[in-house]
Every structure is written in C-alpha cells, then in structure tokens.
All heavy atoms as atom14 arrays in JSON, in Angstrom:
{
  "sequence": "VAFTTTKMDDDTAYQLTKTYWEQKATMTASAKWWGGVDADLMANITGK",
  "atom14_mask": [
    [1, 1, 1, 1, 1, 1, 1, 0, 0, 0, 0, 0, 0, 0],
    [1, 1, 1, 1, 1, 0, 0, 0, 0, 0, 0, 0, 0, 0],
    [1, 1, 1, 1, 1, 1, 1, 1, 1, 1, 1, 0, 0, 0],
    [1, 1, 1, 1, 1, 1, 1, 0, 0, 0, 0, 0, 0, 0],
    [1, 1, 1, 1, 1, 1, 1, 0, 0, 0, 0, 0, 0, 0],
    [1, 1, 1, 1, 1, 1, 1, 0, 0, 0, 0, 0, 0, 0],
    [1, 1, 1, 1, 1, 1, 1, 1, 1, 0, 0, 0, 0, 0],
    [1, 1, 1, 1, 1, 1, 1, 1, 0, 0, 0, 0, 0, 0],
    [1, 1, 1, 1, 1, 1, 1, 1, 0, 0, 0, 0, 0, 0],
    [1, 1, 1, 1, 1, 1, 1, 1, 0, 0, 0, 0, 0, 0],
    [1, 1, 1, 1, 1, 1, 1, 1, 0, 0, 0, 0, 0, 0],
    [1, 1, 1, 1, 1, 1, 1, 0, 0, 0, 0, 0, 0, 0],
    [1, 1, 1, 1, 1, 0, 0, 0, 0, 0, 0, 0, 0, 0],
    [1, 1, 1, 1, 1, 1, 1, 1, 1, 1, 1, 1, 0, 0],
    [1, 1, 1, 1, 1, 1, 1, 1, 1, 0, 0, 0, 0, 0],
    [1, 1, 1, 1, 1, 1, 1, 1, 0, 0, 0, 0, 0, 0],
    [1, 1, 1, 1, 1, 1, 1, 0, 0, 0, 0, 0, 0, 0],
    [1, 1, 1, 1, 1, 1, 1, 1, 1, 0, 0, 0, 0, 0],
    [1, 1, 1, 1, 1, 1, 1, 0, 0, 0, 0, 0, 0, 0],
    [1, 1, 1, 1, 1, 1, 1, 1, 1, 1, 1, 1, 0, 0],
    [1, 1, 1, 1, 1, 1, 1, 1, 1, 1, 1, 1, 1, 1],
    [1, 1, 1, 1, 1, 1, 1, 1, 1, 0, 0, 0, 0, 0],
    [1, 1, 1, 1, 1, 1, 1, 1, 1, 0, 0, 0, 0, 0],
    [1, 1, 1, 1, 1, 1, 1, 1, 1, 0, 0, 0, 0, 0],
    [1, 1, 1, 1, 1, 0, 0, 0, 0, 0, 0, 0, 0, 0],
    [1, 1, 1, 1, 1, 1, 1, 0, 0, 0, 0, 0, 0, 0],
    [1, 1, 1, 1, 1, 1, 1, 1, 0, 0, 0, 0, 0, 0],
    [1, 1, 1, 1, 1, 1, 1, 0, 0, 0, 0, 0, 0, 0],
    [1, 1, 1, 1, 1, 0, 0, 0, 0, 0, 0, 0, 0, 0],
    [1, 1, 1, 1, 1, 1, 0, 0, 0, 0, 0, 0, 0, 0],
    [1, 1, 1, 1, 1, 0, 0, 0, 0, 0, 0, 0, 0, 0],
    [1, 1, 1, 1, 1, 1, 1, 1, 1, 0, 0, 0, 0, 0],
    [1, 1, 1, 1, 1, 1, 1, 1, 1, 1, 1, 1, 1, 1],
    [1, 1, 1, 1, 1, 1, 1, 1, 1, 1, 1, 1, 1, 1],
    [1, 1, 1, 1, 0, 0, 0, 0, 0, 0, 0, 0, 0, 0],
    [1, 1, 1, 1, 0, 0, 0, 0, 0, 0, 0, 0, 0, 0],
    [1, 1, 1, 1, 1, 1, 1, 0, 0, 0, 0, 0, 0, 0],
    [1, 1, 1, 1, 1, 1, 1, 1, 0, 0, 0, 0, 0, 0],
    [1, 1, 1, 1, 1, 0, 0, 0, 0, 0, 0, 0, 0, 0],
    [1, 1, 1, 1, 1, 1, 1, 1, 0, 0, 0, 0, 0, 0],
    [1, 1, 1, 1, 1, 1, 1, 1, 0, 0, 0, 0, 0, 0],
    [1, 1, 1, 1, 1, 1, 1, 1, 0, 0, 0, 0, 0, 0],
    [1, 1, 1, 1, 1, 0, 0, 0, 0, 0, 0, 0, 0, 0],
    [1, 1, 1, 1, 1, 1, 1, 1, 0, 0, 0, 0, 0, 0],
    [1, 1, 1, 1, 1, 1, 1, 1, 0, 0, 0, 0, 0, 0],
    [1, 1, 1, 1, 1, 1, 1, 0, 0, 0, 0, 0, 0, 0],
    [1, 1, 1, 1, 0, 0, 0, 0, 0, 0, 0, 0, 0, 0],
    [1, 1, 1, 1, 1, 1, 1, 1, 1, 0, 0, 0, 0, 0]
  ],
  "atom14_positions": [
    [[13.18, 10.55, -12.68], [12.72, 9.79, -11.57], [13.72, 9.74, -10.45], [14.92, 9.84, -10.69], [12.41, 8.3, -12.01], [12.12, 7.39, -10.8], [11.26, 8.27, -13.04], [0.0, 0.0, 0.0], [0.0, 0.0, 0.0], [0.0, 0.0, 0.0], [0.0, 0.0, 0.0], [0.0, 0.0, 0.0], [0.0, 0.0, 0.0], [0.0, 0.0, 0.0]],
    [[13.27, 9.68, -9.2], [14.17, 9.55, -8.03], [14.37, 8.07, -7.81], [13.41, 7.27, -7.72], [13.56, 10.16, -6.8], [0.0, 0.0, 0.0], [0.0, 0.0, 0.0], [0.0, 0.0, 0.0], [0.0, 0.0, 0.0], [0.0, 0.0, 0.0], [0.0, 0.0, 0.0], [0.0, 0.0, 0.0], [0.0, 0.0, 0.0], [0.0, 0.0, 0.0]],
    [[15.63, 7.66, -7.71], [16.0, 6.26, -7.61], [16.8, 6.04, -6.34], [17.37, 6.96, -5.77], [16.87, 5.8, -8.76], [16.14, 5.71, -10.08], [16.15, 6.74, -10.99], [15.54, 4.52, -10.49], [15.52, 6.69, -12.2], [14.91, 4.37, -11.71], [14.89, 5.47, -12.59], [0.0, 0.0, 0.0], [0.0, 0.0, 0.0], [0.0, 0.0, 0.0]],
    [[16.87, 4.81, -5.91], [17.8, 4.34, -4.9], [18.31, 2.96, -5.36], [18.28, 2.66, -6.54], [17.18, 4.29, -3.52], [18.16, 4.03, -2.55], [16.04, 3.29, -3.44], [0.0, 0.0, 0.0], [0.0, 0.0, 0.0], [0.0, 0.0, 0.0], [0.0, 0.0, 0.0], [0.0, 0.0, 0.0], [0.0, 0.0, 0.0], [0.0, 0.0, 0.0]],
    [[18.78, 2.15, -4.42], [19.15, 0.79, -4.75], [18.55, -0.22, -3.73], [17.96, 0.2, -2.76], [20.66, 0.6, -4.8], [21.21, 0.7, -3.47], [21.36, 1.65, -5.64], [0.0, 0.0, 0.0], [0.0, 0.0, 0.0], [0.0, 0.0, 0.0], [0.0, 0.0, 0.0], [0.0, 0.0, 0.0], [0.0, 0.0, 0.0], [0.0, 0.0, 0.0]],
    [[18.77, -1.49, -4.04], [18.25, -2.5, -3.1], [18.99, -2.48, -1.75], [18.58, -3.13, -0.83], [18.39, -3.92, -3.73], [19.79, -4.11, -4.15], [17.49, -4.06, -4.91], [0.0, 0.0, 0.0], [0.0, 0.0, 0.0], [0.0, 0.0, 0.0], [0.0, 0.0, 0.0], [0.0, 0.0, 0.0], [0.0, 0.0, 0.0], [0.0, 0.0, 0.0]],
    [[20.02, -1.69, -1.66], [20.76, -1.51, -0.35], [19.86, -0.78, 0.64], [20.08, -0.95, 1.87], [22.07, -0.8, -0.55], [23.13, -1.56, -1.32], [24.38, -0.73, -1.48], [25.48, -1.46, -2.24], [26.67, -0.69, -2.45], [0.0, 0.0, 0.0], [0.0, 0.0, 0.0], [0.0, 0.0, 0.0], [0.0, 0.0, 0.0], [0.0, 0.0, 0.0]],
    [[18.98, 0.05, 0.15], [18.06, 0.76, 1.1], [17.09, -0.17, 1.64], [16.5, -1.0, 0.94], [17.4, 1.94, 0.33], [16.39, 2.73, 1.21], [15.64, 4.14, 0.39], [17.02, 5.29, 0.55], [0.0, 0.0, 0.0], [0.0, 0.0, 0.0], [0.0, 0.0, 0.0], [0.0, 0.0, 0.0], [0.0, 0.0, 0.0], [0.0, 0.0, 0.0]],
    [[16.88, -0.05, 2.96], [15.91, -0.91, 3.6], [14.47, -0.58, 3.22], [14.19, 0.58, 2.85], [16.05, -0.91, 5.12], [15.66, 0.43, 5.71], [14.5, 0.64, 6.03], [16.58, 1.29, 5.92], [0.0, 0.0, 0.0], [0.0, 0.0, 0.0], [0.0, 0.0, 0.0], [0.0, 0.0, 0.0], [0.0, 0.0, 0.0], [0.0, 0.0, 0.0]],
    [[13.55, -1.55, 3.27], [12.18, -1.39, 2.83], [11.44, -0.24, 3.58], [10.71, 0.53, 2.96], [11.41, -2.68, 2.89], [11.87, -3.68, 1.88], [12.78, -3.38, 1.11], [11.33, -4.81, 1.92], [0.0, 0.0, 0.0], [0.0, 0.0, 0.0], [0.0, 0.0, 0.0], [0.0, 0.0, 0.0], [0.0, 0.0, 0.0], [0.0, 0.0, 0.0]],
    [[11.66, -0.14, 4.87], [10.95, 0.82, 5.65], [11.32, 2.26, 5.28], [10.43, 3.16, 5.21], [11.19, 0.61, 7.15], [10.5, -0.61, 7.71], [9.56, -1.09, 7.04], [10.88, -1.08, 8.8], [0.0, 0.0, 0.0], [0.0, 0.0, 0.0], [0.0, 0.0, 0.0], [0.0, 0.0, 0.0], [0.0, 0.0, 0.0], [0.0, 0.0, 0.0]],
    [[12.62, 2.47, 5.01], [13.04, 3.81, 4.6], [12.47, 4.21, 3.23], [11.98, 5.28, 3.03], [14.57, 3.9, 4.55], [15.12, 3.64, 5.85], [15.03, 5.22, 4.09], [0.0, 0.0, 0.0], [0.0, 0.0, 0.0], [0.0, 0.0, 0.0], [0.0, 0.0, 0.0], [0.0, 0.0, 0.0], [0.0, 0.0, 0.0], [0.0, 0.0, 0.0]],
    [[12.51, 3.23, 2.3], [11.96, 3.46, 0.95], [10.47, 3.77, 1.0], [9.95, 4.64, 0.31], [12.24, 2.3, 0.01], [0.0, 0.0, 0.0], [0.0, 0.0, 0.0], [0.0, 0.0, 0.0], [0.0, 0.0, 0.0], [0.0, 0.0, 0.0], [0.0, 0.0, 0.0], [0.0, 0.0, 0.0], [0.0, 0.0, 0.0], [0.0, 0.0, 0.0]],
    [[9.77, 3.04, 1.91], [8.36, 3.21, 2.04], [8.04, 4.59, 2.64], [7.16, 5.33, 2.11], [7.83, 2.15, 3.05], [6.37, 2.38, 3.48], [5.3, 1.89, 2.73], [6.07, 3.09, 4.67], [3.98, 2.12, 3.13], [4.76, 3.28, 5.06], [3.72, 2.75, 4.27], [2.43, 2.97, 4.7], [0.0, 0.0, 0.0], [0.0, 0.0, 0.0]],
    [[8.79, 4.99, 3.62], [8.58, 6.32, 4.32], [8.88, 7.46, 3.37], [8.15, 8.44, 3.31], [9.39, 6.39, 5.57], [8.96, 7.51, 6.49], [7.52, 7.36, 6.96], [7.12, 6.27, 7.37], [6.75, 8.42, 6.91], [0.0, 0.0, 0.0], [0.0, 0.0, 0.0], [0.0, 0.0, 0.0], [0.0, 0.0, 0.0], [0.0, 0.0, 0.0]],
    [[9.96, 7.32, 2.62], [10.34, 8.4, 1.66], [9.24, 8.57, 0.64], [8.82, 9.71, 0.3], [11.64, 8.07, 1.01], [12.93, 8.15, 1.81], [14.09, 7.65, 1.01], [13.15, 9.64, 2.24], [0.0, 0.0, 0.0], [0.0, 0.0, 0.0], [0.0, 0.0, 0.0], [0.0, 0.0, 0.0], [0.0, 0.0, 0.0], [0.0, 0.0, 0.0]],
    [[8.77, 7.46, 0.06], [7.73, 7.51, -1.03], [6.4, 8.05, -0.5], [5.77, 8.89, -1.13], [7.6, 6.11, -1.64], [8.89, 5.62, -2.08], [6.66, 6.15, -2.83], [0.0, 0.0, 0.0], [0.0, 0.0, 0.0], [0.0, 0.0, 0.0], [0.0, 0.0, 0.0], [0.0, 0.0, 0.0], [0.0, 0.0, 0.0], [0.0, 0.0, 0.0]],
    [[6.02, 7.51, 0.62], [4.75, 7.94, 1.23], [4.74, 9.42, 1.55], [3.84, 10.19, 1.25], [4.49, 7.13, 2.55], [3.18, 7.44, 3.24], [3.05, 6.51, 4.43], [1.69, 6.6, 5.12], [1.52, 7.87, 5.83], [0.0, 0.0, 0.0], [0.0, 0.0, 0.0], [0.0, 0.0, 0.0], [0.0, 0.0, 0.0], [0.0, 0.0, 0.0]],
    [[5.84, 9.87, 2.18], [5.96, 11.29, 2.5], [5.98, 12.22, 1.29], [5.38, 13.29, 1.26], [7.24, 11.56, 3.36], [7.23, 10.69, 4.49], [7.3, 13.01, 3.8], [0.0, 0.0, 0.0], [0.0, 0.0, 0.0], [0.0, 0.0, 0.0], [0.0, 0.0, 0.0], [0.0, 0.0, 0.0], [0.0, 0.0, 0.0], [0.0, 0.0, 0.0]],
    [[6.67, 11.75, 0.26], [6.76, 12.5, -0.99], [5.35, 12.8, -1.58], [4.98, 13.92, -1.85], [7.59, 11.79, -2.06], [7.53, 12.37, -3.43], [8.26, 13.52, -3.72], [6.79, 11.81, -4.4], [8.21, 14.1, -5.03], [6.69, 12.35, -5.69], [7.41, 13.49, -5.99], [7.38, 14.04, -7.24], [0.0, 0.0, 0.0], [0.0, 0.0, 0.0]],
    [[4.57, 11.73, -1.71], [3.23, 11.9, -2.31], [2.31, 12.66, -1.38], [1.44, 13.48, -1.88], [2.67, 10.54, -2.67], [3.28, 9.95, -3.87], [4.2, 8.93, -3.93], [3.04, 10.33, -5.28], [4.55, 8.7, -5.24], [3.9, 9.52, -6.07], [2.23, 11.27, -5.86], [3.88, 9.63, -7.41], [2.22, 11.4, -7.23], [3.08, 10.56, -8.03]],
    [[2.43, 12.42, -0.11], [1.52, 13.14, 0.84], [1.85, 14.63, 0.96], [0.98, 15.45, 1.31], [1.54, 12.46, 2.24], [0.93, 11.09, 2.23], [0.89, 10.44, 3.59], [1.6, 10.96, 4.45], [0.24, 9.43, 3.76], [0.0, 0.0, 0.0], [0.0, 0.0, 0.0], [0.0, 0.0, 0.0], [0.0, 0.0, 0.0], [0.0, 0.0, 0.0]],
    [[3.11, 14.99, 0.67], [3.53, 16.39, 0.79], [3.5, 17.12, -0.6], [3.78, 18.31, -0.64], [4.94, 16.49, 1.38], [5.0, 16.02, 2.82], [4.14, 16.88, 3.71], [4.25, 18.16, 3.7], [3.27, 16.29, 4.45], [0.0, 0.0, 0.0], [0.0, 0.0, 0.0], [0.0, 0.0, 0.0], [0.0, 0.0, 0.0], [0.0, 0.0, 0.0]],
    [[3.08, 16.45, -1.63], [3.18, 17.01, -2.98], [2.27, 18.24, -3.09], [2.63, 19.24, -3.71], [2.78, 16.01, -4.05], [3.17, 16.45, -5.47], [2.67, 15.46, -6.48], [1.2, 15.57, -6.74], [0.8, 16.89, -7.39], [0.0, 0.0, 0.0], [0.0, 0.0, 0.0], [0.0, 0.0, 0.0], [0.0, 0.0, 0.0], [0.0, 0.0, 0.0]],
    [[1.08, 18.2, -2.51], [0.15, 19.33, -2.53], [0.77, 20.56, -1.88], [0.65, 21.69, -2.37], [-1.19, 18.97, -1.89], [0.0, 0.0, 0.0], [0.0, 0.0, 0.0], [0.0, 0.0, 0.0], [0.0, 0.0, 0.0], [0.0, 0.0, 0.0], [0.0, 0.0, 0.0], [0.0, 0.0, 0.0], [0.0, 0.0, 0.0], [0.0, 0.0, 0.0]],
    [[1.43, 20.33, -0.75], [2.1, 21.43, -0.04], [3.21, 22.01, -0.86], [3.38, 23.22, -0.96], [2.63, 20.98, 1.32], [1.56, 20.44, 2.11], [3.29, 22.06, 2.09], [0.0, 0.0, 0.0], [0.0, 0.0, 0.0], [0.0, 0.0, 0.0], [0.0, 0.0, 0.0], [0.0, 0.0, 0.0], [0.0, 0.0, 0.0], [0.0, 0.0, 0.0]],
    [[3.99, 21.17, -1.48], [5.09, 21.62, -2.36], [4.55, 22.37, -3.58], [5.11, 23.36, -4.0], [5.95, 20.44, -2.77], [6.72, 19.8, -1.64], [8.02, 18.65, -2.18], [7.07, 17.3, -2.93], [0.0, 0.0, 0.0], [0.0, 0.0, 0.0], [0.0, 0.0, 0.0], [0.0, 0.0, 0.0], [0.0, 0.0, 0.0], [0.0, 0.0, 0.0]],
    [[3.43, 21.89, -4.11], [2.82, 22.59, -5.24], [2.39, 24.01, -4.89], [2.49, 24.9, -5.73], [1.6, 21.77, -5.75], [2.01, 20.47, -6.12], [0.98, 22.45, -7.02], [0.0, 0.0, 0.0], [0.0, 0.0, 0.0], [0.0, 0.0, 0.0], [0.0, 0.0, 0.0], [0.0, 0.0, 0.0], [0.0, 0.0, 0.0], [0.0, 0.0, 0.0]],
    [[1.93, 24.25, -3.71], [1.51, 25.55, -3.27], [2.69, 26.57, -3.3], [2.47, 27.74, -3.5], [0.91, 25.5, -1.86], [0.0, 0.0, 0.0], [0.0, 0.0, 0.0], [0.0, 0.0, 0.0], [0.0, 0.0, 0.0], [0.0, 0.0, 0.0], [0.0, 0.0, 0.0], [0.0, 0.0, 0.0], [0.0, 0.0, 0.0], [0.0, 0.0, 0.0]],
    [[3.89, 26.08, -3.13], [5.06, 26.96, -3.13], [5.82, 26.95, -4.45], [6.6, 27.89, -4.7], [6.0, 26.57, -1.98], [6.47, 25.26, -2.12], [0.0, 0.0, 0.0], [0.0, 0.0, 0.0], [0.0, 0.0, 0.0], [0.0, 0.0, 0.0], [0.0, 0.0, 0.0], [0.0, 0.0, 0.0], [0.0, 0.0, 0.0], [0.0, 0.0, 0.0]],
    [[5.59, 25.93, -5.29], [6.29, 25.86, -6.58], [5.39, 25.08, -7.56], [5.12, 23.92, -7.38], [7.66, 25.13, -6.42], [0.0, 0.0, 0.0], [0.0, 0.0, 0.0], [0.0, 0.0, 0.0], [0.0, 0.0, 0.0], [0.0, 0.0, 0.0], [0.0, 0.0, 0.0], [0.0, 0.0, 0.0], [0.0, 0.0, 0.0], [0.0, 0.0, 0.0]],
    [[4.93, 25.83, -8.57], [3.88, 25.24, -9.48], [4.39, 24.04, -10.29], [3.55, 23.26, -10.77], [3.43, 26.32, -10.46], [2.59, 27.4, -9.79], [2.08, 28.41, -10.76], [1.24, 29.5, -10.08], [0.74, 30.5, -11.04], [0.0, 0.0, 0.0], [0.0, 0.0, 0.0], [0.0, 0.0, 0.0], [0.0, 0.0, 0.0], [0.0, 0.0, 0.0]],
    [[5.72, 23.81, -10.4], [6.2, 22.71, -11.23], [5.75, 21.3, -10.63], [5.7, 20.38, -11.34], [7.73, 22.76, -11.43], [8.54, 22.9, -10.23], [8.55, 22.2, -9.03], [9.62, 23.88, -10.06], [9.47, 22.65, -8.22], [10.2, 23.64, -8.72], [10.16, 24.83, -10.88], [11.26, 24.42, -8.27], [11.24, 25.59, -10.38], [11.72, 25.37, -9.12]],
    [[5.43, 21.35, -9.32], [4.93, 20.05, -8.73], [3.54, 19.72, -9.22], [3.1, 18.6, -9.13], [4.96, 20.12, -7.22], [6.38, 20.19, -6.68], [6.93, 21.33, -6.1], [7.39, 19.22, -6.75], [8.25, 21.06, -5.72], [8.51, 19.78, -6.14], [7.4, 17.89, -7.18], [9.71, 19.08, -6.0], [8.6, 17.18, -7.05], [9.72, 17.77, -6.49]],
    [[2.82, 20.69, -9.77], [1.48, 20.45, -10.23], [1.39, 19.53, -11.46], [0.37, 18.9, -11.71], [0.0, 0.0, 0.0], [0.0, 0.0, 0.0], [0.0, 0.0, 0.0], [0.0, 0.0, 0.0], [0.0, 0.0, 0.0], [0.0, 0.0, 0.0], [0.0, 0.0, 0.0], [0.0, 0.0, 0.0], [0.0, 0.0, 0.0], [0.0, 0.0, 0.0]],
    [[2.51, 19.42, -12.1], [2.56, 18.48, -13.28], [2.85, 17.03, -12.91], [2.9, 16.16, -13.79], [0.0, 0.0, 0.0], [0.0, 0.0, 0.0], [0.0, 0.0, 0.0], [0.0, 0.0, 0.0], [0.0, 0.0, 0.0], [0.0, 0.0, 0.0], [0.0, 0.0, 0.0], [0.0, 0.0, 0.0], [0.0, 0.0, 0.0], [0.0, 0.0, 0.0]],
    [[3.0, 16.81, -11.61], [3.35, 15.4, -11.15], [2.02, 14.79, -10.64], [1.37, 15.3, -9.75], [4.33, 15.42, -10.01], [4.56, 14.03, -9.51], [5.66, 15.99, -10.53], [0.0, 0.0, 0.0], [0.0, 0.0, 0.0], [0.0, 0.0, 0.0], [0.0, 0.0, 0.0], [0.0, 0.0, 0.0], [0.0, 0.0, 0.0], [0.0, 0.0, 0.0]],
    [[1.65, 13.67, -11.25], [0.46, 12.95, -10.77], [0.7, 11.44, -11.03], [1.75, 11.07, -11.53], [-0.81, 13.44, -11.43], [-0.79, 13.38, -12.99], [-0.02, 12.53, -13.5], [-1.49, 14.16, -13.6], [0.0, 0.0, 0.0], [0.0, 0.0, 0.0], [0.0, 0.0, 0.0], [0.0, 0.0, 0.0], [0.0, 0.0, 0.0], [0.0, 0.0, 0.0]],
    [[-0.35, 10.66, -10.74], [-0.22, 9.23, -10.84], [0.1, 8.79, -12.31], [0.68, 7.73, -12.52], [-1.5, 8.55, -10.41], [0.0, 0.0, 0.0], [0.0, 0.0, 0.0], [0.0, 0.0, 0.0], [0.0, 0.0, 0.0], [0.0, 0.0, 0.0], [0.0, 0.0, 0.0], [0.0, 0.0, 0.0], [0.0, 0.0, 0.0], [0.0, 0.0, 0.0]],
    [[-0.28, 9.58, -13.31], [-0.03, 9.26, -14.69], [1.48, 9.14, -14.99], [1.91, 8.39, -15.86], [-0.67, 10.29, -15.64], [-2.16, 10.22, -15.66], [-2.69, 9.12, -15.19], [-2.83, 11.2, -16.09], [0.0, 0.0, 0.0], [0.0, 0.0, 0.0], [0.0, 0.0, 0.0], [0.0, 0.0, 0.0], [0.0, 0.0, 0.0], [0.0, 0.0, 0.0]],
    [[2.28, 9.91, -14.21], [3.74, 9.87, -14.44], [4.36, 8.51, -13.99], [5.52, 8.26, -14.28], [4.46, 10.98, -13.72], [4.27, 12.4, -14.32], [5.21, 13.37, -13.64], [4.45, 12.42, -15.82], [0.0, 0.0, 0.0], [0.0, 0.0, 0.0], [0.0, 0.0, 0.0], [0.0, 0.0, 0.0], [0.0, 0.0, 0.0], [0.0, 0.0, 0.0]],
    [[3.62, 7.7, -13.3], [4.16, 6.4, -12.86], [4.46, 5.56, -14.1], [5.33, 4.65, -14.07], [3.13, 5.68, -12.01], [2.95, 6.29, -10.63], [4.42, 6.3, -9.62], [4.68, 4.55, -9.35], [0.0, 0.0, 0.0], [0.0, 0.0, 0.0], [0.0, 0.0, 0.0], [0.0, 0.0, 0.0], [0.0, 0.0, 0.0], [0.0, 0.0, 0.0]],
    [[3.79, 5.81, -15.19], [4.06, 5.11, -16.46], [5.47, 5.39, -16.99], [5.99, 4.61, -17.78], [2.99, 5.48, -17.49], [0.0, 0.0, 0.0], [0.0, 0.0, 0.0], [0.0, 0.0, 0.0], [0.0, 0.0, 0.0], [0.0, 0.0, 0.0], [0.0, 0.0, 0.0], [0.0, 0.0, 0.0], [0.0, 0.0, 0.0], [0.0, 0.0, 0.0]],
    [[6.06, 6.51, -16.56], [7.43, 6.83, -16.98], [8.5, 5.99, -16.31], [9.64, 6.04, -16.73], [7.68, 8.3, -16.69], [6.88, 9.24, -17.58], [6.35, 8.82, -18.58], [6.7, 10.48, -17.13], [0.0, 0.0, 0.0], [0.0, 0.0, 0.0], [0.0, 0.0, 0.0], [0.0, 0.0, 0.0], [0.0, 0.0, 0.0], [0.0, 0.0, 0.0]],
    [[8.13, 5.24, -15.24], [9.06, 4.39, -14.59], [9.13, 3.07, -15.39], [8.23, 2.26, -15.37], [8.66, 4.09, -13.14], [8.67, 5.41, -12.32], [9.61, 3.09, -12.54], [8.2, 5.23, -10.89], [0.0, 0.0, 0.0], [0.0, 0.0, 0.0], [0.0, 0.0, 0.0], [0.0, 0.0, 0.0], [0.0, 0.0, 0.0], [0.0, 0.0, 0.0]],
    [[10.21, 2.91, -16.12], [10.32, 1.74, -17.04], [11.09, 0.57, -16.39], [11.09, -0.49, -16.94], [11.06, 2.15, -18.3], [12.31, 2.76, -17.96], [10.24, 3.14, -19.13], [0.0, 0.0, 0.0], [0.0, 0.0, 0.0], [0.0, 0.0, 0.0], [0.0, 0.0, 0.0], [0.0, 0.0, 0.0], [0.0, 0.0, 0.0], [0.0, 0.0, 0.0]],
    [[11.69, 0.77, -15.22], [12.38, -0.33, -14.53], [11.58, -0.72, -13.33], [10.4, -0.47, -13.14], [0.0, 0.0, 0.0], [0.0, 0.0, 0.0], [0.0, 0.0, 0.0], [0.0, 0.0, 0.0], [0.0, 0.0, 0.0], [0.0, 0.0, 0.0], [0.0, 0.0, 0.0], [0.0, 0.0, 0.0], [0.0, 0.0, 0.0], [0.0, 0.0, 0.0]],
    [[12.28, -1.44, -12.42], [11.61, -1.96, -11.19], [11.54, -0.92, -10.09], [12.43, -0.1, -9.91], [12.32, -3.21, -10.74], [12.18, -4.37, -11.72], [12.78, -5.65, -11.1], [12.64, -6.83, -12.08], [11.22, -7.1, -12.43], [0.0, 0.0, 0.0], [0.0, 0.0, 0.0], [0.0, 0.0, 0.0], [0.0, 0.0, 0.0], [0.0, 0.0, 0.0]]
  ]
}
C-alpha cells in the first residue's frame, strides 16, 4: 500500500488518491500489473 502521515494536508491526500484511481486505466494500458488493482484490494488496508 502507498502510505503517508497525518502531516500531509487533506487536499493533497485527496488529489493524490483521486488522480491515482482515475489514471489507473491509462497506467494499465502501458503496464499490465496495474490490471490486478481494483476496489477489492481496499480490503488489504488494515490500518486507517
């Protein structure tokens, strides 16, 4: 998982996360390993 800390402001964390998911399809087109990432992997986040 990609992590940060509470030192990061909410807007930056929001933008990073939003951009990551919205660009995942584009990244998958160039590297197939992104194809294995979907909403089901959210269950792997065991912390906050």
